[in-house]
Amino acid sequence: MSMMIVLLLFLIPACMLVGAWMFTACRIGFHVLALVSAYVFGIISALAVYDILRDDTVFMTNIHAVFNNQLFLLSGAYLGCYGIYIMWKCLLTELRKE
């Protein structure tokens, strides 16, 4: 399972690079999806911390419940792949300039 995650971590950003290179709409779509994912990720995180502070519960035991939220995991996974895609895009752009 962990090998599959590592493989996907290489394949998904590579596919994003190819898609962005071939189609402008993909590039815009990746940015919009990243923006939406960042909002979802931030809102879920903020609400989890708010609930803990409001209920005055132990932070370290209750915050782990947020990891059961599939939307939180999905948005975080996309942001991770998007970040790698952006770093590859910047690297390739810099290499092309030289």
Protein backbone atom coordinates (compact mmCIF):
# COMPACT_ATOMS: atom_id res chain seq x y z
CA MET A 1 0.00 0.00 0.00
CA SER A 2 2.77 2.47 0.87
CA MET A 3 4.55 1.70 -2.40
CA MET A 4 1.36 2.56 -4.27
CA ILE A 5 1.14 5.91 -2.46
CA VAL A 6 4.74 6.72 -3.40
CA LEU A 7 4.07 5.76 -7.02
CA LEU A 8 0.95 7.93 -7.15
CA LEU A 9 2.91 10.80 -5.63
CA PHE A 10 5.14 10.72 -8.71
CA LEU A 11 2.47 9.95 -11.31
CA ILE A 12 -0.27 12.42 -10.40
CA PRO A 13 1.90 15.59 -10.53
CA ALA A 14 3.51 14.31 -13.76
CA CYS A 15 0.07 13.87 -15.31
CA MET A 16 -0.88 17.33 -14.09
CA LEU A 17 2.23 18.77 -15.78
CA VAL A 18 1.38 17.10 -19.08
CA GLY A 19 -2.25 18.19 -18.85
CA ALA A 20 -1.30 21.80 -18.07
CA TRP A 21 1.22 21.83 -20.90
CA MET A 22 -1.31 20.52 -23.43
CA PHE A 23 -4.47 22.33 -22.30
CA THR A 24 -4.83 25.79 -20.78
CA ALA A 25 -8.19 24.81 -19.27
CA CYS A 26 -6.44 22.11 -17.21
CA ARG A 27 -4.06 24.67 -15.76
CA ILE A 28 -6.93 26.93 -14.72
CA GLY A 29 -8.88 23.95 -13.38
CA PHE A 30 -5.91 22.84 -11.26
CA HIS A 31 -5.66 26.31 -9.72
CA VAL A 32 -9.40 26.54 -9.01
CA LEU A 33 -9.44 23.06 -7.49
CA ALA A 34 -6.45 23.97 -5.31
CA LEU A 35 -8.21 27.10 -4.09
CA VAL A 36 -11.38 25.17 -3.23
CA SER A 37 -9.33 22.44 -1.55
CA ALA A 38 -7.45 24.99 0.54
CA TYR A 39 -10.71 26.51 1.75
CA VAL A 40 -12.19 23.08 2.57
CA PHE A 41 -9.01 21.99 4.35
CA GLY A 42 -8.83 25.23 6.33
CA ILE A 43 -12.51 25.29 7.29
CA ILE A 44 -12.50 21.68 8.49
CA SER A 45 -9.31 22.30 10.50
CA ALA A 46 -10.66 25.50 12.03
CA LEU A 47 -13.98 23.88 12.98
CA ALA A 48 -12.19 20.94 14.60
CA VAL A 49 -10.03 23.26 16.70
CA TYR A 50 -13.05 25.42 17.55
CA ASP A 51 -15.00 22.37 18.78
CA ILE A 52 -12.11 21.33 20.99
CA LEU A 53 -11.73 24.80 22.48
CA ARG A 54 -15.48 25.21 22.92
CA ASP A 55 -15.90 21.85 24.66
CA ASP A 56 -12.67 22.34 26.65
CA THR A 57 -11.51 18.83 25.82
CA VAL A 58 -8.04 17.37 25.57
CA PHE A 59 -6.54 18.64 22.33
CA MET A 60 -4.24 15.72 21.46
CA THR A 61 -6.90 13.02 21.74
CA ASN A 62 -9.80 14.77 20.03
CA ILE A 63 -8.00 16.43 17.13
CA HIS A 64 -7.31 13.03 15.60
CA ALA A 65 -11.02 12.69 14.81
CA VAL A 66 -10.51 15.14 11.93
CA PHE A 67 -8.47 12.45 10.16
CA ASN A 68 -11.66 10.38 9.81
CA ASN A 69 -13.15 13.09 7.60
CA GLN A 70 -12.78 11.91 4.00
CA LEU A 71 -13.21 15.43 2.61
CA PHE A 72 -10.34 16.64 4.80
CA LEU A 73 -8.10 13.81 3.59
CA LEU A 74 -9.05 14.29 -0.06
CA SER A 75 -8.46 18.04 -0.02
CA GLY A 76 -5.15 17.58 1.79
CA ALA A 77 -4.03 14.94 -0.69
CA TYR A 78 -4.88 17.19 -3.63
CA LEU A 79 -3.00 20.11 -2.07
CA GLY A 80 0.04 17.88 -1.62
CA CYS A 81 -0.01 16.79 -5.27
CA TYR A 82 -0.71 20.34 -6.40
CA GLY A 83 2.26 21.63 -4.42
CA ILE A 84 4.57 19.11 -6.06
CA TYR A 85 3.10 19.99 -9.47
CA ILE A 86 3.80 23.69 -8.86
CA MET A 87 7.38 22.97 -7.76
CA TRP A 88 8.02 20.85 -10.88
CA LYS A 89 6.46 23.56 -13.05
CA CYS A 90 8.71 26.25 -11.51
CA LEU A 91 11.79 24.06 -11.87
CA LEU A 92 11.09 23.29 -15.52
CA THR A 93 10.35 26.96 -16.24
CA GLU A 94 13.69 27.97 -14.69
CA LEU A 95 15.57 25.28 -16.61
CA ARG A 96 13.97 26.41 -19.86
CA LYS A 97 15.17 30.00 -19.26
CA GLU A 98 18.83 28.95 -19.07
